[in-house]
Amino acid sequence: MQDETILKPVKTLMEAMEAENAKIIRAQFSKAATQAYGADGTMKTAEETARWLESDIISRQGKVAKPEYTVLNENEIVVKGQYSSQGYSNKANFLFTVENGLITSWRMRY
């Protein structure tokens, strides 16, 4: 049951991305959420992350085909699949951190 609680915002995000529902996409993130590229990349600030979410995910219609979810611990989930957005495609290897029912970080580990 705990796994389902942790997975809920990430699964909802993937479904909202597929449906191109910007309102639901935004609602899955904490106001303080951060994002980074690479296993060791520097996290963006919350403000930078909000702009990135708009420009790189919502505006470019980012999606993950056939997402596979792995719960690592009480607040980390990995999503793998095929990511695509306008003009871009790559295998997804995303690490999400979830706290209090919201995504607090998204690390894109290509």
PDB file of N, CA and C in Angstrom:
ATOM      1  N   MET A   1       0.832  -1.198   0.000  1.00  0.00           N
ATOM      2  CA  MET A   1       0.000   0.000   0.000  1.00  0.00           C
ATOM      3  C   MET A   1       0.871   1.254   0.000  1.00  0.00           C
ATOM      4  N   GLN A   2       1.961   1.244   0.754  1.00  0.00           N
ATOM      5  CA  GLN A   2       2.869   2.391   0.790  1.00  0.00           C
ATOM      6  C   GLN A   2       3.413   2.683  -0.606  1.00  0.00           C
ATOM      7  N   ASP A   3       3.752   1.625  -1.368  1.00  0.00           N
ATOM      8  CA  ASP A   3       4.264   1.821  -2.724  1.00  0.00           C
ATOM      9  C   ASP A   3       3.263   2.594  -3.582  1.00  0.00           C
ATOM     10  N   GLU A   4       1.981   2.275  -3.462  1.00  0.00           N
ATOM     11  CA  GLU A   4       0.964   2.955  -4.269  1.00  0.00           C
ATOM     12  C   GLU A   4       0.876   4.433  -3.909  1.00  0.00           C
ATOM     13  N   THR A   5       1.019   4.768  -2.630  1.00  0.00           N
ATOM     14  CA  THR A   5       0.977   6.160  -2.193  1.00  0.00           C
ATOM     15  C   THR A   5       2.141   6.936  -2.787  1.00  0.00           C
ATOM     16  N   ILE A   6       3.319   6.345  -2.763  1.00  0.00           N
ATOM     17  CA  ILE A   6       4.520   6.990  -3.297  1.00  0.00           C
ATOM     18  C   ILE A   6       4.429   7.101  -4.818  1.00  0.00           C
ATOM     19  N   LEU A   7       3.906   6.068  -5.440  1.00  0.00           N
ATOM     20  CA  LEU A   7       3.803   6.049  -6.906  1.00  0.00           C
ATOM     21  C   LEU A   7       2.753   6.994  -7.469  1.00  0.00           C
ATOM     22  N   LYS A   8       1.741   7.318  -6.681  1.00  0.00           N
ATOM     23  CA  LYS A   8       0.591   8.066  -7.209  1.00  0.00           C
ATOM     24  C   LYS A   8       0.970   9.336  -7.964  1.00  0.00           C
ATOM     25  N   PRO A   9       1.761  10.275  -7.398  1.00  0.00           N
ATOM     26  CA  PRO A   9       2.045  11.495  -8.167  1.00  0.00           C
ATOM     27  C   PRO A   9       2.874  11.243  -9.423  1.00  0.00           C
ATOM     28  N   VAL A  10       3.730  10.227  -9.396  1.00  0.00           N
ATOM     29  CA  VAL A  10       4.567   9.928 -10.566  1.00  0.00           C
ATOM     30  C   VAL A  10       3.712   9.298 -11.668  1.00  0.00           C
ATOM     31  N   LYS A  11       2.867   8.354 -11.305  1.00  0.00           N
ATOM     32  CA  LYS A  11       1.973   7.753 -12.302  1.00  0.00           C
ATOM     33  C   LYS A  11       1.005   8.795 -12.862  1.00  0.00           C
ATOM     34  N   THR A  12       0.501   9.651 -11.981  1.00  0.00           N
ATOM     35  CA  THR A  12      -0.400  10.703 -12.437  1.00  0.00           C
ATOM     36  C   THR A  12       0.323  11.645 -13.389  1.00  0.00           C
ATOM     37  N   LEU A  13       1.586  11.958 -13.094  1.00  0.00           N
ATOM     38  CA  LEU A  13       2.385  12.795 -13.987  1.00  0.00           C
ATOM     39  C   LEU A  13       2.514  12.145 -15.358  1.00  0.00           C
ATOM     40  N   MET A  14       2.871  10.863 -15.398  1.00  0.00           N
ATOM     41  CA  MET A  14       3.045  10.172 -16.677  1.00  0.00           C
ATOM     42  C   MET A  14       1.742  10.167 -17.478  1.00  0.00           C
ATOM     43  N   GLU A  15       0.615   9.925 -16.794  1.00  0.00           N
ATOM     44  CA  GLU A  15      -0.686   9.926 -17.464  1.00  0.00           C
ATOM     45  C   GLU A  15      -1.040  11.324 -17.973  1.00  0.00           C
ATOM     46  N   ALA A  16      -0.746  12.348 -17.174  1.00  0.00           N
ATOM     47  CA  ALA A  16      -1.038  13.726 -17.579  1.00  0.00           C
ATOM     48  C   ALA A  16      -0.159  14.160 -18.749  1.00  0.00           C
ATOM     49  N   MET A  17       1.101  13.714 -18.752  1.00  0.00           N
ATOM     50  CA  MET A  17       1.975  14.012 -19.881  1.00  0.00           C
ATOM     51  C   MET A  17       1.413  13.372 -21.144  1.00  0.00           C
ATOM     52  N   GLU A  18       0.975  12.130 -21.053  1.00  0.00           N
ATOM     53  CA  GLU A  18       0.400  11.436 -22.200  1.00  0.00           C
ATOM     54  C   GLU A  18      -0.836  12.179 -22.716  1.00  0.00           C
ATOM     55  N   ALA A  19      -1.656  12.689 -21.787  1.00  0.00           N
ATOM     56  CA  ALA A  19      -2.881  13.394 -22.150  1.00  0.00           C
ATOM     57  C   ALA A  19      -2.641  14.869 -22.471  1.00  0.00           C
ATOM     58  N   GLU A  20      -1.387  15.328 -22.304  1.00  0.00           N
ATOM     59  CA  GLU A  20      -1.023  16.728 -22.522  1.00  0.00           C
ATOM     60  C   GLU A  20      -1.882  17.666 -21.673  1.00  0.00           C
ATOM     61  N   ASN A  21      -2.048  17.286 -20.399  1.00  0.00           N
ATOM     62  CA  ASN A  21      -2.847  18.069 -19.463  1.00  0.00           C
ATOM     63  C   ASN A  21      -1.912  18.864 -18.553  1.00  0.00           C
ATOM     64  N   ALA A  22      -1.619  20.088 -18.946  1.00  0.00           N
ATOM     65  CA  ALA A  22      -0.651  20.926 -18.234  1.00  0.00           C
ATOM     66  C   ALA A  22      -1.052  21.173 -16.786  1.00  0.00           C
ATOM     67  N   LYS A  23      -2.319  21.374 -16.529  1.00  0.00           N
ATOM     68  CA  LYS A  23      -2.788  21.658 -15.165  1.00  0.00           C
ATOM     69  C   LYS A  23      -2.472  20.489 -14.234  1.00  0.00           C
ATOM     70  N   ILE A  24      -2.745  19.285 -14.675  1.00  0.00           N
ATOM     71  CA  ILE A  24      -2.476  18.110 -13.837  1.00  0.00           C
ATOM     72  C   ILE A  24      -0.974  17.873 -13.727  1.00  0.00           C
ATOM     73  N   ILE A  25      -0.222  18.111 -14.797  1.00  0.00           N
ATOM     74  CA  ILE A  25       1.241  17.982 -14.729  1.00  0.00           C
ATOM     75  C   ILE A  25       1.776  18.884 -13.616  1.00  0.00           C
ATOM     76  N   ARG A  26       1.414  20.158 -13.657  1.00  0.00           N
ATOM     77  CA  ARG A  26       1.901  21.119 -12.658  1.00  0.00           C
ATOM     78  C   ARG A  26       1.511  20.720 -11.242  1.00  0.00           C
ATOM     79  N   ALA A  27       0.315  20.166 -11.093  1.00  0.00           N
ATOM     80  CA  ALA A  27      -0.217  19.839  -9.762  1.00  0.00           C
ATOM     81  C   ALA A  27       0.538  18.708  -9.063  1.00  0.00           C
ATOM     82  N   GLN A  28       1.362  17.963  -9.782  1.00  0.00           N
ATOM     83  CA  GLN A  28       2.092  16.841  -9.173  1.00  0.00           C
ATOM     84  C   GLN A  28       3.380  17.282  -8.487  1.00  0.00           C
ATOM     85  N   PHE A  29       3.755  18.542  -8.647  1.00  0.00           N
ATOM     86  CA  PHE A  29       5.039  19.021  -8.147  1.00  0.00           C
ATOM     87  C   PHE A  29       4.886  19.931  -6.936  1.00  0.00           C
ATOM     88  N   SER A  30       5.788  19.755  -6.000  1.00  0.00           N
ATOM     89  CA  SER A  30       5.917  20.669  -4.874  1.00  0.00           C
ATOM     90  C   SER A  30       6.348  22.026  -5.397  1.00  0.00           C
ATOM     91  N   LYS A  31       5.986  23.088  -4.708  1.00  0.00           N
ATOM     92  CA  LYS A  31       6.423  24.442  -5.098  1.00  0.00           C
ATOM     93  C   LYS A  31       7.946  24.560  -5.050  1.00  0.00           C
ATOM     94  N   ALA A  32       8.591  23.710  -4.244  1.00  0.00           N
ATOM     95  CA  ALA A  32      10.049  23.748  -4.085  1.00  0.00           C
ATOM     96  C   ALA A  32      10.760  22.677  -4.915  1.00  0.00           C
ATOM     97  N   ALA A  33      10.046  22.049  -5.857  1.00  0.00           N
ATOM     98  CA  ALA A  33      10.624  20.962  -6.653  1.00  0.00           C
ATOM     99  C   ALA A  33      11.841  21.424  -7.449  1.00  0.00           C
ATOM    100  N   THR A  34      12.785  20.489  -7.624  1.00  0.00           N
ATOM    101  CA  THR A  34      14.004  20.757  -8.375  1.00  0.00           C
ATOM    102  C   THR A  34      14.158  19.715  -9.477  1.00  0.00           C
ATOM    103  N   GLN A  35      15.031  20.021 -10.450  1.00  0.00           N
ATOM    104  CA  GLN A  35      15.265  19.126 -11.583  1.00  0.00           C
ATOM    105  C   GLN A  35      16.720  19.229 -11.992  1.00  0.00           C
ATOM    106  N   ALA A  36      17.259  18.099 -12.502  1.00  0.00           N
ATOM    107  CA  ALA A  36      18.637  18.095 -13.006  1.00  0.00           C
ATOM    108  C   ALA A  36      18.776  17.039 -14.091  1.00  0.00           C
ATOM    109  N   TYR A  37      19.798  17.228 -14.920  1.00  0.00           N
ATOM    110  CA  TYR A  37      20.176  16.252 -15.931  1.00  0.00           C
ATOM    111  C   TYR A  37      21.422  15.531 -15.444  1.00  0.00           C
ATOM    112  N   GLY A  38      21.470  14.218 -15.664  1.00  0.00           N
ATOM    113  CA  GLY A  38      22.645  13.436 -15.310  1.00  0.00           C
ATOM    114  C   GLY A  38      22.655  13.026 -13.852  1.00  0.00           C
ATOM    115  N   ALA A  39      23.402  11.962 -13.582  1.00  0.00           N
ATOM    116  CA  ALA A  39      23.479  11.426 -12.221  1.00  0.00           C
ATOM    117  C   ALA A  39      24.110  12.412 -11.250  1.00  0.00           C
ATOM    118  N   ASP A  40      24.998  13.255 -11.742  1.00  0.00           N
ATOM    119  CA  ASP A  40      25.699  14.203 -10.878  1.00  0.00           C
ATOM    120  C   ASP A  40      25.410  15.661 -11.228  1.00  0.00           C
ATOM    121  N   GLY A  41      24.429  15.897 -12.072  1.00  0.00           N
ATOM    122  CA  GLY A  41      24.130  17.264 -12.490  1.00  0.00           C
ATOM    123  C   GLY A  41      23.599  18.110 -11.343  1.00  0.00           C
ATOM    124  N   THR A  42      23.852  19.391 -11.412  1.00  0.00           N
ATOM    125  CA  THR A  42      23.400  20.325 -10.397  1.00  0.00           C
ATOM    126  C   THR A  42      21.901  20.562 -10.533  1.00  0.00           C
ATOM    127  N   MET A  43      21.202  20.507  -9.412  1.00  0.00           N
ATOM    128  CA  MET A  43      19.761  20.739  -9.417  1.00  0.00           C
ATOM    129  C   MET A  43      19.462  22.204  -9.717  1.00  0.00           C
ATOM    130  N   LYS A  44      18.454  22.416 -10.542  1.00  0.00           N
ATOM    131  CA  LYS A  44      17.958  23.761 -10.808  1.00  0.00           C
ATOM    132  C   LYS A  44      17.247  24.263  -9.538  1.00  0.00           C
ATOM    133  N   THR A  45      17.118  25.561  -9.412  1.00  0.00           N
ATOM    134  CA  THR A  45      16.313  26.121  -8.330  1.00  0.00           C
ATOM    135  C   THR A  45      14.842  25.792  -8.604  1.00  0.00           C
ATOM    136  N   ALA A  46      14.000  26.008  -7.619  1.00  0.00           N
ATOM    137  CA  ALA A  46      12.568  25.765  -7.804  1.00  0.00           C
ATOM    138  C   ALA A  46      12.006  26.645  -8.919  1.00  0.00           C
ATOM    139  N   GLU A  47      12.445  27.889  -8.978  1.00  0.00           N
ATOM    140  CA  GLU A  47      11.978  28.803 -10.027  1.00  0.00           C
ATOM    141  C   GLU A  47      12.444  28.335 -11.407  1.00  0.00           C
ATOM    142  N   GLU A  48      13.698  27.938 -11.508  1.00  0.00           N
ATOM    143  CA  GLU A  48      14.227  27.422 -12.779  1.00  0.00           C
ATOM    144  C   GLU A  48      13.505  26.141 -13.183  1.00  0.00           C
ATOM    145  N   THR A  49      13.212  25.305 -12.200  1.00  0.00           N
ATOM    146  CA  THR A  49      12.518  24.044 -12.473  1.00  0.00           C
ATOM    147  C   THR A  49      11.112  24.307 -12.997  1.00  0.00           C
ATOM    148  N   ALA A  50      10.412  25.255 -12.415  1.00  0.00           N
ATOM    149  CA  ALA A  50       9.062  25.590 -12.892  1.00  0.00           C
ATOM    150  C   ALA A  50       9.108  26.070 -14.342  1.00  0.00           C
ATOM    151  N   ARG A  51      10.091  26.886 -14.678  1.00  0.00           N
ATOM    152  CA  ARG A  51      10.239  27.357 -16.072  1.00  0.00           C
ATOM    153  C   ARG A  51      10.579  26.189 -16.996  1.00  0.00           C
ATOM    154  N   TRP A  52      11.482  25.315 -16.546  1.00  0.00           N
ATOM    155  CA  TRP A  52      11.870  24.145 -17.326  1.00  0.00           C
ATOM    156  C   TRP A  52      10.663  23.240 -17.591  1.00  0.00           C
ATOM    157  N   LEU A  53       9.849  23.026 -16.571  1.00  0.00           N
ATOM    158  CA  LEU A  53       8.667  22.184 -16.729  1.00  0.00           C
ATOM    159  C   LEU A  53       7.765  22.738 -17.837  1.00  0.00           C
ATOM    160  N   GLU A  54       7.598  24.051 -17.855  1.00  0.00           N
ATOM    161  CA  GLU A  54       6.777  24.687 -18.894  1.00  0.00           C
ATOM    162  C   GLU A  54       7.416  24.556 -20.273  1.00  0.00           C
ATOM    163  N   SER A  55       8.703  24.876 -20.375  1.00  0.00           N
ATOM    164  CA  SER A  55       9.356  24.938 -21.687  1.00  0.00           C
ATOM    165  C   SER A  55       9.727  23.574 -22.247  1.00  0.00           C
ATOM    166  N   ASP A  56      10.206  22.669 -21.404  1.00  0.00           N
ATOM    167  CA  ASP A  56      10.749  21.408 -21.904  1.00  0.00           C
ATOM    168  C   ASP A  56       9.781  20.230 -21.826  1.00  0.00           C
ATOM    169  N   ILE A  57       8.813  20.290 -20.944  1.00  0.00           N
ATOM    170  CA  ILE A  57       7.868  19.178 -20.805  1.00  0.00           C
ATOM    171  C   ILE A  57       6.499  19.562 -21.368  1.00  0.00           C
ATOM    172  N   ILE A  58       5.903  20.608 -20.840  1.00  0.00           N
ATOM    173  CA  ILE A  58       4.539  20.965 -21.239  1.00  0.00           C
ATOM    174  C   ILE A  58       4.503  21.498 -22.671  1.00  0.00           C
ATOM    175  N   SER A  59       5.276  22.522 -22.971  1.00  0.00           N
ATOM    176  CA  SER A  59       5.230  23.129 -24.311  1.00  0.00           C
ATOM    177  C   SER A  59       5.693  22.177 -25.407  1.00  0.00           C
ATOM    178  N   ARG A  60       6.627  21.302 -25.079  1.00  0.00           N
ATOM    179  CA  ARG A  60       7.159  20.380 -26.092  1.00  0.00           C
ATOM    180  C   ARG A  60       6.463  19.021 -26.070  1.00  0.00           C
ATOM    181  N   GLN A  61       5.402  18.898 -25.283  1.00  0.00           N
ATOM    182  CA  GLN A  61       4.568  17.691 -25.229  1.00  0.00           C
ATOM    183  C   GLN A  61       5.378  16.436 -24.904  1.00  0.00           C
ATOM    184  N   GLY A  62       6.188  16.526 -23.836  1.00  0.00           N
ATOM    185  CA  GLY A  62       6.989  15.386 -23.405  1.00  0.00           C
ATOM    186  C   GLY A  62       6.124  14.236 -22.915  1.00  0.00           C
ATOM    187  N   LYS A  63       6.545  13.028 -23.275  1.00  0.00           N
ATOM    188  CA  LYS A  63       5.802  11.808 -22.911  1.00  0.00           C
ATOM    189  C   LYS A  63       6.777  10.660 -22.689  1.00  0.00           C
ATOM    190  N   VAL A  64       6.361   9.687 -21.888  1.00  0.00           N
ATOM    191  CA  VAL A  64       7.127   8.452 -21.715  1.00  0.00           C
ATOM    192  C   VAL A  64       6.247   7.302 -22.173  1.00  0.00           C
ATOM    193  N   ALA A  65       6.663   6.626 -23.237  1.00  0.00           N
ATOM    194  CA  ALA A  65       5.923   5.464 -23.740  1.00  0.00           C
ATOM    195  C   ALA A  65       6.229   4.251 -22.876  1.00  0.00           C
ATOM    196  N   LYS A  66       5.196   3.512 -22.536  1.00  0.00           N
ATOM    197  CA  LYS A  66       5.311   2.272 -21.763  1.00  0.00           C
ATOM    198  C   LYS A  66       6.176   2.453 -20.510  1.00  0.00           C
ATOM    199  N   PRO A  67       5.803   3.391 -19.631  1.00  0.00           N
ATOM    200  CA  PRO A  67       6.616   3.614 -18.431  1.00  0.00           C
ATOM    201  C   PRO A  67       6.638   2.388 -17.524  1.00  0.00           C
ATOM    202  N   GLU A  68       7.815   2.098 -16.996  1.00  0.00           N
ATOM    203  CA  GLU A  68       8.007   1.023 -16.023  1.00  0.00           C
ATOM    204  C   GLU A  68       8.463   1.678 -14.724  1.00  0.00           C
ATOM    205  N   TYR A  69       7.809   1.332 -13.625  1.00  0.00           N
ATOM    206  CA  TYR A  69       8.048   1.971 -12.339  1.00  0.00           C
ATOM    207  C   TYR A  69       8.767   1.025 -11.376  1.00  0.00           C
ATOM    208  N   THR A  70       9.783   1.535 -10.696  1.00  0.00           N
ATOM    209  CA  THR A  70      10.479   0.777  -9.659  1.00  0.00           C
ATOM    210  C   THR A  70      10.578   1.661  -8.426  1.00  0.00           C
ATOM    211  N   VAL A  71      10.017   1.187  -7.313  1.00  0.00           N
ATOM    212  CA  VAL A  71      10.123   1.910  -6.052  1.00  0.00           C
ATOM    213  C   VAL A  71      11.439   1.496  -5.402  1.00  0.00           C
ATOM    214  N   LEU A  72      12.315   2.474  -5.161  1.00  0.00           N
ATOM    215  CA  LEU A  72      13.619   2.193  -4.564  1.00  0.00           C
ATOM    216  C   LEU A  72      13.559   2.178  -3.043  1.00  0.00           C
ATOM    217  N   ASN A  73      12.806   3.104  -2.477  1.00  0.00           N
ATOM    218  CA  ASN A  73      12.675   3.201  -1.026  1.00  0.00           C
ATOM    219  C   ASN A  73      11.424   4.008  -0.713  1.00  0.00           C
ATOM    220  N   GLU A  74      11.314   4.530   0.489  1.00  0.00           N
ATOM    221  CA  GLU A  74      10.080   5.208   0.906  1.00  0.00           C
ATOM    222  C   GLU A  74       9.782   6.498   0.153  1.00  0.00           C
ATOM    223  N   ASN A  75      10.744   7.037  -0.595  1.00  0.00           N
ATOM    224  CA  ASN A  75      10.426   8.259  -1.324  1.00  0.00           C
ATOM    225  C   ASN A  75      11.120   8.404  -2.683  1.00  0.00           C
ATOM    226  N   GLU A  76      11.689   7.330  -3.222  1.00  0.00           N
ATOM    227  CA  GLU A  76      12.332   7.413  -4.537  1.00  0.00           C
ATOM    228  C   GLU A  76      11.758   6.369  -5.489  1.00  0.00           C
ATOM    229  N   ILE A  77      11.474   6.839  -6.696  1.00  0.00           N
ATOM    230  CA  ILE A  77      10.908   5.995  -7.749  1.00  0.00           C
ATOM    231  C   ILE A  77      11.709   6.210  -9.024  1.00  0.00           C
ATOM    232  N   VAL A  78      11.993   5.123  -9.726  1.00  0.00           N
ATOM    233  CA  VAL A  78      12.640   5.201 -11.033  1.00  0.00           C
ATOM    234  C   VAL A  78      11.580   4.902 -12.086  1.00  0.00           C
ATOM    235  N   VAL A  79      11.589   5.695 -13.147  1.00  0.00           N
ATOM    236  CA  VAL A  79      10.717   5.450 -14.299  1.00  0.00           C
ATOM    237  C   VAL A  79      11.613   5.236 -15.505  1.00  0.00           C
ATOM    238  N   LYS A  80      11.383   4.117 -16.181  1.00  0.00           N
ATOM    239  CA  LYS A  80      12.089   3.829 -17.431  1.00  0.00           C
ATOM    240  C   LYS A  80      11.059   3.644 -18.528  1.00  0.00           C
ATOM    241  N   GLY A  81      11.480   3.880 -19.750  1.00  0.00           N
ATOM    242  CA  GLY A  81      10.617   3.771 -20.918  1.00  0.00           C
ATOM    243  C   GLY A  81      11.266   4.530 -22.054  1.00  0.00           C
ATOM    244  N   GLN A  82      10.464   4.944 -23.016  1.00  0.00           N
ATOM    245  CA  GLN A  82      10.976   5.736 -24.138  1.00  0.00           C
ATOM    246  C   GLN A  82      10.404   7.133 -24.029  1.00  0.00           C
ATOM    247  N   TYR A  83      11.276   8.104 -23.773  1.00  0.00           N
ATOM    248  CA  TYR A  83      10.848   9.503 -23.675  1.00  0.00           C
ATOM    249  C   TYR A  83      10.869  10.134 -25.056  1.00  0.00           C
ATOM    250  N   SER A  84       9.871  10.957 -25.328  1.00  0.00           N
ATOM    251  CA  SER A  84       9.877  11.737 -26.566  1.00  0.00           C
ATOM    252  C   SER A  84       9.189  13.065 -26.315  1.00  0.00           C
ATOM    253  N   SER A  85       9.654  14.059 -27.029  1.00  0.00           N
ATOM    254  CA  SER A  85       9.024  15.372 -27.042  1.00  0.00           C
ATOM    255  C   SER A  85       9.248  15.921 -28.446  1.00  0.00           C
ATOM    256  N   GLN A  86       8.725  17.094 -28.729  1.00  0.00           N
ATOM    257  CA  GLN A  86       8.886  17.655 -30.071  1.00  0.00           C
ATOM    258  C   GLN A  86      10.372  17.765 -30.399  1.00  0.00           C
ATOM    259  N   GLY A  87      10.788  17.020 -31.417  1.00  0.00           N
ATOM    260  CA  GLY A  87      12.162  17.084 -31.885  1.00  0.00           C
ATOM    261  C   GLY A  87      13.181  16.305 -31.078  1.00  0.00           C
ATOM    262  N   TYR A  88      12.731  15.457 -30.138  1.00  0.00           N
ATOM    263  CA  TYR A  88      13.686  14.741 -29.284  1.00  0.00           C
ATOM    264  C   TYR A  88      13.116  13.396 -28.861  1.00  0.00           C
ATOM    265  N   SER A  89      14.006  12.401 -28.750  1.00  0.00           N
ATOM    266  CA  SER A  89      13.622  11.084 -28.248  1.00  0.00           C
ATOM    267  C   SER A  89      14.845  10.423 -27.622  1.00  0.00           C
ATOM    268  N   ASN A  90      14.639   9.739 -26.511  1.00  0.00           N
ATOM    269  CA  ASN A  90      15.728   9.039 -25.830  1.00  0.00           C
ATOM    270  C   ASN A  90      15.117   8.074 -24.825  1.00  0.00           C
ATOM    271  N   LYS A  91      15.890   7.068 -24.455  1.00  0.00           N
ATOM    272  CA  LYS A  91      15.426   6.161 -23.406  1.00  0.00           C
ATOM    273  C   LYS A  91      15.330   6.932 -22.101  1.00  0.00           C
ATOM    274  N   ALA A  92      14.234   6.731 -21.394  1.00  0.00           N
ATOM    275  CA  ALA A  92      14.024   7.403 -20.107  1.00  0.00           C
ATOM    276  C   ALA A  92      14.636   6.581 -18.986  1.00  0.00           C
ATOM    277  N   ASN A  93      15.306   7.273 -18.086  1.00  0.00           N
ATOM    278  CA  ASN A  93      15.789   6.704 -16.829  1.00  0.00           C
ATOM    279  C   ASN A  93      15.688   7.851 -15.826  1.00  0.00           C
ATOM    280  N   PHE A  94      14.492   8.026 -15.289  1.00  0.00           N
ATOM    281  CA  PHE A  94      14.185   9.176 -14.451  1.00  0.00           C
ATOM    282  C   PHE A  94      14.113   8.756 -12.987  1.00  0.00           C
ATOM    283  N   LEU A  95      14.747   9.507 -12.131  1.00  0.00           N
ATOM    284  CA  LEU A  95      14.681   9.292 -10.688  1.00  0.00           C
ATOM    285  C   LEU A  95      13.840  10.411 -10.090  1.00  0.00           C
ATOM    286  N   PHE A  96      12.717  10.036  -9.482  1.00  0.00           N
ATOM    287  CA  PHE A  96      11.831  10.994  -8.826  1.00  0.00           C
ATOM    288  C   PHE A  96      11.928  10.830  -7.318  1.00  0.00           C
ATOM    289  N   THR A  97      11.868  11.944  -6.621  1.00  0.00           N
ATOM    290  CA  THR A  97      11.719  11.932  -5.174  1.00  0.00           C
ATOM    291  C   THR A  97      10.333  12.473  -4.869  1.00  0.00           C
ATOM    292  N   VAL A  98       9.619  11.766  -3.988  1.00  0.00           N
ATOM    293  CA  VAL A  98       8.258  12.155  -3.621  1.00  0.00           C
ATOM    294  C   VAL A  98       8.207  12.344  -2.112  1.00  0.00           C
ATOM    295  N   GLU A  99       7.675  13.484  -1.709  1.00  0.00           N
ATOM    296  CA  GLU A  99       7.489  13.768  -0.286  1.00  0.00           C
ATOM    297  C   GLU A  99       6.112  14.383  -0.096  1.00  0.00           C
ATOM    298  N   ASN A 100       5.393  13.902   0.905  1.00  0.00           N
ATOM    299  CA  ASN A 100       4.053  14.423   1.219  1.00  0.00           C
ATOM    300  C   ASN A 100       3.135  14.430   0.009  1.00  0.00           C
ATOM    301  N   GLY A 101       3.237  13.389  -0.819  1.00  0.00           N
ATOM    302  CA  GLY A 101       2.334  13.227  -1.948  1.00  0.00           C
ATOM    303  C   GLY A 101       2.643  14.063  -3.173  1.00  0.00           C
ATOM    304  N   LEU A 102       3.795  14.763  -3.172  1.00  0.00           N
ATOM    305  CA  LEU A 102       4.171  15.584  -4.323  1.00  0.00           C
ATOM    306  C   LEU A 102       5.605  15.274  -4.752  1.00  0.00           C
ATOM    307  N   ILE A 103       5.884  15.478  -6.027  1.00  0.00           N
ATOM    308  CA  ILE A 103       7.240  15.292  -6.543  1.00  0.00           C
ATOM    309  C   ILE A 103       8.089  16.471  -6.086  1.00  0.00           C
ATOM    310  N   THR A 104       9.217  16.159  -5.449  1.00  0.00           N
ATOM    311  CA  THR A 104      10.128  17.218  -4.991  1.00  0.00           C
ATOM    312  C   THR A 104      11.403  17.287  -5.816  1.00  0.00           C
ATOM    313  N   SER A 105      11.699  16.221  -6.571  1.00  0.00           N
ATOM    314  CA  SER A 105      12.828  16.298  -7.493  1.00  0.00           C
ATOM    315  C   SER A 105      12.652  15.306  -8.637  1.00  0.00           C
ATOM    316  N   TRP A 106      13.236  15.693  -9.775  1.00  0.00           N
ATOM    317  CA  TRP A 106      13.193  14.874 -10.991  1.00  0.00           C
ATOM    318  C   TRP A 106      14.594  14.933 -11.590  1.00  0.00           C
ATOM    319  N   ARG A 107      15.293  13.803 -11.545  1.00  0.00           N
ATOM    320  CA  ARG A 107      16.632  13.710 -12.105  1.00  0.00           C
ATOM    321  C   ARG A 107      16.562  12.849 -13.363  1.00  0.00           C
ATOM    322  N   MET A 108      16.956  13.426 -14.488  1.00  0.00           N
ATOM    323  CA  MET A 108      16.922  12.720 -15.773  1.00  0.00           C
ATOM    324  C   MET A 108      18.283  12.090 -15.996  1.00  0.00           C
ATOM    325  N   ARG A 109      18.362  10.783 -15.799  1.00  0.00           N
ATOM    326  CA  ARG A 109      19.643  10.062 -15.858  1.00  0.00           C
ATOM    327  C   ARG A 109      19.751   9.312 -17.177  1.00  0.00           C
ATOM    328  N   TYR A 110      19.964  10.043 -18.275  1.00  0.00           N
ATOM    329  CA  TYR A 110      20.064   9.410 -19.596  1.00  0.00           C
ATOM    330  C   TYR A 110      21.337   8.621 -19.699  1.00  0.00           C
TER     331      TYR A 110
END
